[in-house]
Amino acid sequence: MQLQINGKPYDLDVDDDMPLLWAIRDIVGLTGTKFGCGKALCGACTVMLNNQAIRSCLTPVSVAKGGSITTIESIDALPQGKALQQAWVELDVPQCGYCQSGQLMSATALLLSNAHPTDADIDGAMSGNVCRCGTYQRIRQAIKNAAQEV
C-alpha cells in the first residue's frame, strides 16, 4: 500500500487494518505523533488527513490510502502551522509537551478551515485534545495570535 505522508510517497507492506499511528511511527519512522490512550480520546495521536484532524491510533491505514497525510514534522510548511508554532513558543504553551503535537495538528486543521475562529470555534475544534498540564488558556490565546498572523 502506498501512503502520501508530508508530501512524500511511502510504500508500506502492512495490513489494511493496521492503525495509521503505528505505520507512521514504526514503519515510516516519524515519531512526532504520539501514542496516548489508544482509544481516540486524548488527541495525542492527531494527524491531518486531507487537512482534517483525525485520531491516528484508531484510524486504519486503509482509510488514508489515496489521501494526503500531514504530521507534526511538516506543519511548518503551512503558513498556519508555522504561525501556530511561533505562537506556541511566544506564549510558552507547552509544559510537559507530550500532547503538543496533537494540539498543534488540531489547531492547524482549525485554521485551515476557519481563518478567524471564535472562542467557541476554538473550544469545539480542540475539545478532543487533552492537556494534562492544563495549558488550555494559553493554547486558545496562541491560536488567536496565530490567526492574526496568517
C-alpha atoms as a PDB file:
ATOM      1  CA  MET A   1       0.000   0.000   0.000  1.00  0.00           C
ATOM      2  CA  GLN A   2       1.242   3.496  -0.744  1.00  0.00           C
ATOM      3  CA  LEU A   3       0.640   6.376   1.653  1.00  0.00           C
ATOM      4  CA  GLN A   4       1.360  10.041   0.976  1.00  0.00           C
ATOM      5  CA  ILE A   5       2.881  11.447   4.179  1.00  0.00           C
ATOM      6  CA  ASN A   6       4.164  15.007   4.363  1.00  0.00           C
ATOM      7  CA  GLY A   7       4.221  15.214   0.586  1.00  0.00           C
ATOM      8  CA  LYS A   8       6.304  12.056   0.114  1.00  0.00           C
ATOM      9  CA  PRO A   9       5.102   8.658  -1.082  1.00  0.00           C
ATOM     10  CA  TYR A  10       5.816   5.674   1.155  1.00  0.00           C
ATOM     11  CA  ASP A  11       5.311   2.085   0.018  1.00  0.00           C
ATOM     12  CA  LEU A  12       4.298   0.077   3.074  1.00  0.00           C
ATOM     13  CA  ASP A  13       3.817  -3.655   3.449  1.00  0.00           C
ATOM     14  CA  VAL A  14       1.200  -3.545   6.208  1.00  0.00           C
ATOM     15  CA  ASP A  15      -2.256  -4.952   6.879  1.00  0.00           C
ATOM     16  CA  ASP A  16      -5.139  -2.692   5.829  1.00  0.00           C
ATOM     17  CA  ASP A  17      -6.420  -2.577   9.410  1.00  0.00           C
ATOM     18  CA  MET A  18      -3.117  -1.502  10.993  1.00  0.00           C
ATOM     19  CA  PRO A  19      -3.633   1.746  12.913  1.00  0.00           C
ATOM     20  CA  LEU A  20      -2.206   4.679  10.988  1.00  0.00           C
ATOM     21  CA  LEU A  21      -0.286   5.754  14.101  1.00  0.00           C
ATOM     22  CA  TRP A  22       1.884   2.638  14.047  1.00  0.00           C
ATOM     23  CA  ALA A  23       2.503   2.889  10.309  1.00  0.00           C
ATOM     24  CA  ILE A  24       3.654   6.495  10.764  1.00  0.00           C
ATOM     25  CA  ARG A  25       5.788   5.841  13.850  1.00  0.00           C
ATOM     26  CA  ASP A  26       7.088   2.294  13.499  1.00  0.00           C
ATOM     27  CA  ILE A  27       7.221   1.753   9.748  1.00  0.00           C
ATOM     28  CA  VAL A  28       7.930   5.249   8.366  1.00  0.00           C
ATOM     29  CA  GLY A  29       9.886   6.407  11.452  1.00  0.00           C
ATOM     30  CA  LEU A  30       8.154   9.741  12.073  1.00  0.00           C
ATOM     31  CA  THR A  31       7.910   9.740  15.862  1.00  0.00           C
ATOM     32  CA  GLY A  32       6.480  13.214  16.473  1.00  0.00           C
ATOM     33  CA  THR A  33       2.971  11.768  16.518  1.00  0.00           C
ATOM     34  CA  LYS A  34       2.401  10.323  19.991  1.00  0.00           C
ATOM     35  CA  PHE A  35       0.507   7.368  21.415  1.00  0.00           C
ATOM     36  CA  GLY A  36      -1.686   8.476  24.280  1.00  0.00           C
ATOM     37  CA  CYS A  37      -4.755   6.459  25.130  1.00  0.00           C
ATOM     38  CA  GLY A  38      -5.230   4.163  22.135  1.00  0.00           C
ATOM     39  CA  LYS A  39      -8.950   4.954  22.148  1.00  0.00           C
ATOM     40  CA  ALA A  40      -9.044   8.281  20.235  1.00  0.00           C
ATOM     41  CA  LEU A  41      -9.973  10.145  23.431  1.00  0.00           C
ATOM     42  CA  CYS A  42      -6.876  12.212  24.241  1.00  0.00           C
ATOM     43  CA  GLY A  43      -5.760  13.610  20.860  1.00  0.00           C
ATOM     44  CA  ALA A  44      -2.021  12.936  21.288  1.00  0.00           C
ATOM     45  CA  CYS A  45      -2.067  10.915  18.054  1.00  0.00           C
ATOM     46  CA  THR A  46      -3.727  13.612  15.942  1.00  0.00           C
ATOM     47  CA  VAL A  47      -2.566  13.990  12.349  1.00  0.00           C
ATOM     48  CA  MET A  48      -4.297  15.566   9.385  1.00  0.00           C
ATOM     49  CA  LEU A  49      -5.807  13.583   6.544  1.00  0.00           C
ATOM     50  CA  ASN A  50      -6.702  15.884   3.662  1.00  0.00           C
ATOM     51  CA  ASN A  51      -6.372  18.837   6.085  1.00  0.00           C
ATOM     52  CA  GLN A  52      -8.864  17.335   8.566  1.00  0.00           C
ATOM     53  CA  ALA A  53      -7.727  16.395  12.067  1.00  0.00           C
ATOM     54  CA  ILE A  54      -8.052  12.651  12.719  1.00  0.00           C
ATOM     55  CA  ARG A  55      -7.000  10.339  15.528  1.00  0.00           C
ATOM     56  CA  SER A  56      -4.401   8.032  14.050  1.00  0.00           C
ATOM     57  CA  CYS A  57      -4.487   5.491  16.888  1.00  0.00           C
ATOM     58  CA  LEU A  58      -7.813   4.072  15.680  1.00  0.00           C
ATOM     59  CA  THR A  59      -7.792   5.062  12.001  1.00  0.00           C
ATOM     60  CA  PRO A  60      -6.805   2.093   9.828  1.00  0.00           C
ATOM     61  CA  VAL A  61      -4.198   2.741   7.140  1.00  0.00           C
ATOM     62  CA  SER A  62      -6.766   1.717   4.518  1.00  0.00           C
ATOM     63  CA  VAL A  63      -8.748   4.897   5.286  1.00  0.00           C
ATOM     64  CA  ALA A  64      -5.703   7.034   4.458  1.00  0.00           C
ATOM     65  CA  LYS A  65      -4.911   5.293   1.174  1.00  0.00           C
ATOM     66  CA  GLY A  66      -5.130   7.843  -1.635  1.00  0.00           C
ATOM     67  CA  GLY A  67      -5.232  10.759   0.786  1.00  0.00           C
ATOM     68  CA  SER A  68      -2.677  13.284   1.940  1.00  0.00           C
ATOM     69  CA  ILE A  69      -1.400  12.779   5.487  1.00  0.00           C
ATOM     70  CA  THR A  70       0.289  15.620   7.345  1.00  0.00           C
ATOM     71  CA  THR A  71       2.178  15.045  10.579  1.00  0.00           C
ATOM     72  CA  ILE A  72       3.775  17.410  13.072  1.00  0.00           C
ATOM     73  CA  GLU A  73       7.091  17.035  11.241  1.00  0.00           C
ATOM     74  CA  SER A  74       5.841  19.120   8.319  1.00  0.00           C
ATOM     75  CA  ILE A  75       3.270  21.618   9.616  1.00  0.00           C
ATOM     76  CA  ASP A  76       5.814  24.418   9.429  1.00  0.00           C
ATOM     77  CA  ALA A  77       5.457  24.158   5.631  1.00  0.00           C
ATOM     78  CA  LEU A  78       1.938  25.560   6.069  1.00  0.00           C
ATOM     79  CA  PRO A  79       1.602  29.249   6.980  1.00  0.00           C
ATOM     80  CA  GLN A  80      -0.962  28.316   9.650  1.00  0.00           C
ATOM     81  CA  GLY A  81       1.296  25.665  11.149  1.00  0.00           C
ATOM     82  CA  LYS A  82       4.329  27.936  11.195  1.00  0.00           C
ATOM     83  CA  ALA A  83       2.337  30.760  12.818  1.00  0.00           C
ATOM     84  CA  LEU A  84       0.997  28.352  15.435  1.00  0.00           C
ATOM     85  CA  GLN A  85       4.454  27.018  16.263  1.00  0.00           C
ATOM     86  CA  GLN A  86       5.717  30.575  16.720  1.00  0.00           C
ATOM     87  CA  ALA A  87       2.738  31.483  18.923  1.00  0.00           C
ATOM     88  CA  TRP A  88       3.264  28.314  20.996  1.00  0.00           C
ATOM     89  CA  VAL A  89       6.854  29.391  21.701  1.00  0.00           C
ATOM     90  CA  GLU A  90       5.992  33.056  22.352  1.00  0.00           C
ATOM     91  CA  LEU A  91       3.309  32.122  24.899  1.00  0.00           C
ATOM     92  CA  ASP A  92       5.232  29.220  26.483  1.00  0.00           C
ATOM     93  CA  VAL A  93       2.290  26.916  25.799  1.00  0.00           C
ATOM     94  CA  PRO A  94       3.893  23.523  26.476  1.00  0.00           C
ATOM     95  CA  GLN A  95       4.757  22.298  29.924  1.00  0.00           C
ATOM     96  CA  CYS A  96       5.443  18.565  29.689  1.00  0.00           C
ATOM     97  CA  GLY A  97       4.917  18.781  25.925  1.00  0.00           C
ATOM     98  CA  TYR A  98       3.517  15.288  25.385  1.00  0.00           C
ATOM     99  CA  CYS A  99       0.171  16.429  23.968  1.00  0.00           C
ATOM    100  CA  GLN A 100       1.545  19.320  21.973  1.00  0.00           C
ATOM    101  CA  SER A 101       1.988  17.649  18.594  1.00  0.00           C
ATOM    102  CA  GLY A 102      -1.671  16.626  18.689  1.00  0.00           C
ATOM    103  CA  GLN A 103      -2.700  20.067  19.909  1.00  0.00           C
ATOM    104  CA  LEU A 104      -0.803  21.742  17.078  1.00  0.00           C
ATOM    105  CA  MET A 105      -2.273  19.391  14.484  1.00  0.00           C
ATOM    106  CA  SER A 106      -5.838  20.100  15.631  1.00  0.00           C
ATOM    107  CA  ALA A 107      -5.140  23.835  15.758  1.00  0.00           C
ATOM    108  CA  THR A 108      -3.651  23.784  12.252  1.00  0.00           C
ATOM    109  CA  ALA A 109      -6.673  21.928  10.879  1.00  0.00           C
ATOM    110  CA  LEU A 110      -8.887  24.529  12.559  1.00  0.00           C
ATOM    111  CA  LEU A 111      -7.068  27.486  10.997  1.00  0.00           C
ATOM    112  CA  LEU A 112      -7.065  25.797   7.591  1.00  0.00           C
ATOM    113  CA  SER A 113     -10.857  25.586   7.715  1.00  0.00           C
ATOM    114  CA  ASN A 114     -11.573  28.781   9.687  1.00  0.00           C
ATOM    115  CA  ALA A 115      -9.137  31.691   9.413  1.00  0.00           C
ATOM    116  CA  HIS A 116     -10.789  33.692  12.207  1.00  0.00           C
ATOM    117  CA  PRO A 117     -12.161  31.292  14.818  1.00  0.00           C
ATOM    118  CA  THR A 118     -14.180  32.473  17.799  1.00  0.00           C
ATOM    119  CA  ASP A 119     -13.585  31.125  21.298  1.00  0.00           C
ATOM    120  CA  ALA A 120     -16.440  28.683  20.708  1.00  0.00           C
ATOM    121  CA  ASP A 121     -14.861  27.546  17.424  1.00  0.00           C
ATOM    122  CA  ILE A 122     -11.537  27.005  19.160  1.00  0.00           C
ATOM    123  CA  ASP A 123     -13.116  25.154  22.066  1.00  0.00           C
ATOM    124  CA  GLY A 124     -15.034  22.921  19.672  1.00  0.00           C
ATOM    125  CA  ALA A 125     -12.038  22.113  17.493  1.00  0.00           C
ATOM    126  CA  MET A 126      -9.747  21.488  20.449  1.00  0.00           C
ATOM    127  CA  SER A 127     -12.202  19.601  22.667  1.00  0.00           C
ATOM    128  CA  GLY A 128     -10.775  16.211  21.697  1.00  0.00           C
ATOM    129  CA  ASN A 129      -7.262  17.154  22.784  1.00  0.00           C
ATOM    130  CA  VAL A 130      -6.425  16.644  26.430  1.00  0.00           C
ATOM    131  CA  CYS A 131      -3.638  18.608  28.125  1.00  0.00           C
ATOM    132  CA  ARG A 132      -2.856  17.068  31.487  1.00  0.00           C
ATOM    133  CA  CYS A 133      -0.863  20.175  32.413  1.00  0.00           C
ATOM    134  CA  GLY A 134      -3.916  22.386  31.863  1.00  0.00           C
ATOM    135  CA  THR A 135      -2.482  24.941  29.429  1.00  0.00           C
ATOM    136  CA  TYR A 136      -5.831  25.387  27.668  1.00  0.00           C
ATOM    137  CA  GLN A 137      -5.971  29.166  28.086  1.00  0.00           C
ATOM    138  CA  ARG A 138      -2.513  29.595  26.575  1.00  0.00           C
ATOM    139  CA  ILE A 139      -3.458  27.219  23.753  1.00  0.00           C
ATOM    140  CA  ARG A 140      -6.551  29.298  22.976  1.00  0.00           C
ATOM    141  CA  GLN A 141      -4.545  32.542  23.034  1.00  0.00           C
ATOM    142  CA  ALA A 142      -1.832  31.048  20.823  1.00  0.00           C
ATOM    143  CA  ILE A 143      -4.468  30.038  18.256  1.00  0.00           C
ATOM    144  CA  LYS A 144      -5.905  33.568  18.319  1.00  0.00           C
ATOM    145  CA  ASN A 145      -2.431  35.090  17.907  1.00  0.00           C
ATOM    146  CA  ALA A 146      -1.580  32.759  15.023  1.00  0.00           C
ATOM    147  CA  ALA A 147      -4.890  33.529  13.288  1.00  0.00           C
ATOM    148  CA  GLN A 148      -3.922  37.217  13.270  1.00  0.00           C
ATOM    149  CA  GLU A 149      -0.569  36.398  11.661  1.00  0.00           C
ATOM    150  CA  VAL A 150      -1.873  34.325   8.765  1.00  0.00           C
END
